[in-house]
Amino acid sequence: MSAYVELESFIDFGKVEYAYKRAVIAQQQKNYGFAEIGFRAAKARDARLLKVLEQAANIMITEDDRQRGETRNNAEKESERRYTTETQLWREAYRMVDEGKAKDVPHLKWIYGAGAFLCGYQV
């Protein structure tokens, strides 16, 4: 497998949102296989998964800034200055895989599963 992975034109906000919805549905249906596929790829530091998680996290940050940017900058409460929970989860999932510290953390496993879905590892 090549060390260079190009997915820039493939990943967009709509696809990230759809993958996240699929993860939520799988979680509600107790389809743990969805999360396990992503977790195995995360533990192996799969290059495609790493790239997808990085781009998805950046897309989530961009969208969060677009939707709440002015509010965040002028907020008096600390809680209003933070990113949404979903954005933080995608950022943390990317960081954990990038550092090779992917652990069996339930919330992150579903994000890994969504990333694996975007990579095409599951249907």
C-alpha atoms as a PDB file:
ATOM      1  CA  MET A   1       0.000   0.000   0.000  1.00  0.00           C
ATOM      2  CA  SER A   2       1.290   3.414  -0.876  1.00  0.00           C
ATOM      3  CA  ALA A   3       2.117   5.821   1.923  1.00  0.00           C
ATOM      4  CA  TYR A   4       0.323   8.575   0.014  1.00  0.00           C
ATOM      5  CA  VAL A   5      -3.447   8.570   0.402  1.00  0.00           C
ATOM      6  CA  GLU A   6      -5.518  11.106  -1.493  1.00  0.00           C
ATOM      7  CA  LEU A   7      -9.127  11.597  -0.446  1.00  0.00           C
ATOM      8  CA  GLU A   8      -9.538  15.388  -0.508  1.00  0.00           C
ATOM      9  CA  SER A   9     -12.250  15.505  -3.151  1.00  0.00           C
ATOM     10  CA  PHE A  10     -14.042  12.492  -1.729  1.00  0.00           C
ATOM     11  CA  ILE A  11     -14.773  13.675   1.806  1.00  0.00           C
ATOM     12  CA  ASP A  12     -17.247  16.489   2.389  1.00  0.00           C
ATOM     13  CA  PHE A  13     -19.558  17.556   5.212  1.00  0.00           C
ATOM     14  CA  GLY A  14     -22.564  15.654   3.848  1.00  0.00           C
ATOM     15  CA  LYS A  15     -20.660  12.374   3.743  1.00  0.00           C
ATOM     16  CA  VAL A  16     -19.223  12.871   7.223  1.00  0.00           C
ATOM     17  CA  GLU A  17     -22.689  13.644   8.558  1.00  0.00           C
ATOM     18  CA  TYR A  18     -24.137  10.562   6.834  1.00  0.00           C
ATOM     19  CA  ALA A  19     -21.378   8.304   8.201  1.00  0.00           C
ATOM     20  CA  TYR A  20     -21.956   9.669  11.694  1.00  0.00           C
ATOM     21  CA  LYS A  21     -25.704   9.012  11.374  1.00  0.00           C
ATOM     22  CA  ARG A  22     -24.944   5.441  10.292  1.00  0.00           C
ATOM     23  CA  ALA A  23     -22.762   5.040  13.393  1.00  0.00           C
ATOM     24  CA  VAL A  24     -25.542   6.354  15.637  1.00  0.00           C
ATOM     25  CA  ILE A  25     -28.065   3.979  14.048  1.00  0.00           C
ATOM     26  CA  ALA A  26     -25.658   1.043  14.408  1.00  0.00           C
ATOM     27  CA  GLN A  27     -25.145   1.980  18.055  1.00  0.00           C
ATOM     28  CA  GLN A  28     -28.900   2.113  18.696  1.00  0.00           C
ATOM     29  CA  GLN A  29     -29.321  -1.272  17.019  1.00  0.00           C
ATOM     30  CA  LYS A  30     -26.437  -2.664  19.081  1.00  0.00           C
ATOM     31  CA  ASN A  31     -24.530  -3.509  15.883  1.00  0.00           C
ATOM     32  CA  TYR A  32     -21.129  -3.663  17.566  1.00  0.00           C
ATOM     33  CA  GLY A  33     -19.527  -5.030  14.398  1.00  0.00           C
ATOM     34  CA  PHE A  34     -19.791  -1.533  12.907  1.00  0.00           C
ATOM     35  CA  ALA A  35     -17.596  -0.127  15.671  1.00  0.00           C
ATOM     36  CA  GLU A  36     -15.242  -3.124  15.753  1.00  0.00           C
ATOM     37  CA  ILE A  37     -14.282  -2.754  12.082  1.00  0.00           C
ATOM     38  CA  GLY A  38     -13.244   0.825  12.714  1.00  0.00           C
ATOM     39  CA  PHE A  39     -11.502  -0.055  15.954  1.00  0.00           C
ATOM     40  CA  ARG A  40      -9.387  -2.738  14.260  1.00  0.00           C
ATOM     41  CA  ALA A  41      -8.348  -0.246  11.587  1.00  0.00           C
ATOM     42  CA  ALA A  42      -7.589   2.352  14.268  1.00  0.00           C
ATOM     43  CA  LYS A  43      -5.431  -0.053  16.276  1.00  0.00           C
ATOM     44  CA  ALA A  44      -3.511  -0.905  13.088  1.00  0.00           C
ATOM     45  CA  ARG A  45      -3.068   2.835  12.346  1.00  0.00           C
ATOM     46  CA  ASP A  46      -4.549   2.285   8.893  1.00  0.00           C
ATOM     47  CA  ALA A  47      -3.369   5.089   6.590  1.00  0.00           C
ATOM     48  CA  ARG A  48      -6.769   5.522   4.909  1.00  0.00           C
ATOM     49  CA  LEU A  49      -8.598   5.683   8.219  1.00  0.00           C
ATOM     50  CA  LEU A  50      -6.085   8.176   9.577  1.00  0.00           C
ATOM     51  CA  LYS A  51      -6.527  10.415   6.527  1.00  0.00           C
ATOM     52  CA  VAL A  52     -10.317  10.172   6.678  1.00  0.00           C
ATOM     53  CA  LEU A  53     -10.402  10.998  10.396  1.00  0.00           C
ATOM     54  CA  GLU A  54      -8.099  13.965   9.849  1.00  0.00           C
ATOM     55  CA  GLN A  55     -10.204  15.361   7.023  1.00  0.00           C
ATOM     56  CA  ALA A  56     -13.478  14.663   8.808  1.00  0.00           C
ATOM     57  CA  ALA A  57     -12.230  16.429  11.950  1.00  0.00           C
ATOM     58  CA  ASN A  58     -11.151  19.436   9.882  1.00  0.00           C
ATOM     59  CA  ILE A  59     -14.500  19.485   8.082  1.00  0.00           C
ATOM     60  CA  MET A  60     -16.368  19.329  11.399  1.00  0.00           C
ATOM     61  CA  ILE A  61     -14.265  22.188  12.794  1.00  0.00           C
ATOM     62  CA  THR A  62     -14.876  24.277   9.675  1.00  0.00           C
ATOM     63  CA  GLU A  63     -18.619  23.641   9.801  1.00  0.00           C
ATOM     64  CA  ASP A  64     -18.756  24.339  13.525  1.00  0.00           C
ATOM     65  CA  ASP A  65     -16.893  27.628  12.984  1.00  0.00           C
ATOM     66  CA  ARG A  66     -19.194  28.527  10.098  1.00  0.00           C
ATOM     67  CA  GLN A  67     -22.317  27.886  12.162  1.00  0.00           C
ATOM     68  CA  ARG A  68     -21.202  29.318  15.497  1.00  0.00           C
ATOM     69  CA  GLY A  69     -18.107  31.367  14.745  1.00  0.00           C
ATOM     70  CA  GLU A  70     -19.412  34.786  15.691  1.00  0.00           C
ATOM     71  CA  THR A  71     -21.226  33.440  18.734  1.00  0.00           C
ATOM     72  CA  ARG A  72     -18.119  31.612  19.897  1.00  0.00           C
ATOM     73  CA  ASN A  73     -15.931  34.696  19.584  1.00  0.00           C
ATOM     74  CA  ASN A  74     -18.329  36.906  21.538  1.00  0.00           C
ATOM     75  CA  ALA A  75     -19.512  34.334  24.091  1.00  0.00           C
ATOM     76  CA  GLU A  76     -19.215  35.170  27.749  1.00  0.00           C
ATOM     77  CA  LYS A  77     -19.719  31.587  28.948  1.00  0.00           C
ATOM     78  CA  GLU A  78     -16.885  29.116  28.468  1.00  0.00           C
ATOM     79  CA  SER A  79     -19.322  26.402  27.375  1.00  0.00           C
ATOM     80  CA  GLU A  80     -20.423  28.552  24.431  1.00  0.00           C
ATOM     81  CA  ARG A  81     -16.804  28.908  23.260  1.00  0.00           C
ATOM     82  CA  ARG A  82     -16.198  25.179  22.914  1.00  0.00           C
ATOM     83  CA  TYR A  83     -16.767  23.032  19.866  1.00  0.00           C
ATOM     84  CA  THR A  84     -19.778  20.752  19.726  1.00  0.00           C
ATOM     85  CA  THR A  85     -19.481  17.277  21.207  1.00  0.00           C
ATOM     86  CA  GLU A  86     -19.415  15.638  17.778  1.00  0.00           C
ATOM     87  CA  THR A  87     -16.591  17.895  16.616  1.00  0.00           C
ATOM     88  CA  GLN A  88     -14.591  17.123  19.747  1.00  0.00           C
ATOM     89  CA  LEU A  89     -15.156  13.385  19.265  1.00  0.00           C
ATOM     90  CA  TRP A  90     -13.859  13.465  15.678  1.00  0.00           C
ATOM     91  CA  ARG A  91     -10.810  15.494  16.753  1.00  0.00           C
ATOM     92  CA  GLU A  92     -10.056  13.141  19.630  1.00  0.00           C
ATOM     93  CA  ALA A  93     -10.513  10.044  17.453  1.00  0.00           C
ATOM     94  CA  TYR A  94      -8.033  11.422  14.941  1.00  0.00           C
ATOM     95  CA  ARG A  95      -5.552  12.352  17.672  1.00  0.00           C
ATOM     96  CA  MET A  96      -5.715   8.927  19.304  1.00  0.00           C
ATOM     97  CA  VAL A  97      -5.098   7.090  16.011  1.00  0.00           C
ATOM     98  CA  ASP A  98      -2.376   9.516  14.972  1.00  0.00           C
ATOM     99  CA  GLU A  99      -0.523   8.975  18.245  1.00  0.00           C
ATOM    100  CA  GLY A 100      -1.022   5.207  18.048  1.00  0.00           C
ATOM    101  CA  LYS A 101      -3.085   5.235  21.240  1.00  0.00           C
ATOM    102  CA  ALA A 102      -6.388   3.913  19.897  1.00  0.00           C
ATOM    103  CA  LYS A 103      -8.023   2.331  22.913  1.00  0.00           C
ATOM    104  CA  ASP A 104     -11.283   0.557  23.497  1.00  0.00           C
ATOM    105  CA  VAL A 105     -13.143   3.769  24.365  1.00  0.00           C
ATOM    106  CA  PRO A 106     -16.840   3.230  23.542  1.00  0.00           C
ATOM    107  CA  HIS A 107     -17.588   6.711  22.187  1.00  0.00           C
ATOM    108  CA  LEU A 108     -14.511   6.778  19.990  1.00  0.00           C
ATOM    109  CA  LYS A 109     -15.105   3.273  18.630  1.00  0.00           C
ATOM    110  CA  TRP A 110     -18.255   4.512  16.930  1.00  0.00           C
ATOM    111  CA  ILE A 111     -16.313   7.404  15.378  1.00  0.00           C
ATOM    112  CA  TYR A 112     -13.701   4.914  14.176  1.00  0.00           C
ATOM    113  CA  GLY A 113     -16.582   2.923  12.700  1.00  0.00           C
ATOM    114  CA  ALA A 114     -17.905   5.990  10.906  1.00  0.00           C
ATOM    115  CA  GLY A 115     -14.401   6.649   9.571  1.00  0.00           C
ATOM    116  CA  ALA A 116     -14.142   3.053   8.380  1.00  0.00           C
ATOM    117  CA  PHE A 117     -17.516   3.483   6.673  1.00  0.00           C
ATOM    118  CA  LEU A 118     -16.133   6.526   4.827  1.00  0.00           C
ATOM    119  CA  CYS A 119     -13.085   4.462   3.822  1.00  0.00           C
ATOM    120  CA  GLY A 120     -15.405   1.857   2.324  1.00  0.00           C
ATOM    121  CA  TYR A 121     -14.485  -0.859   4.814  1.00  0.00           C
ATOM    122  CA  GLN A 122     -18.112  -1.596   5.629  1.00  0.00           C
ATOM    123  CA  VAL A 123     -21.568  -1.167   4.148  1.00  0.00           C
END
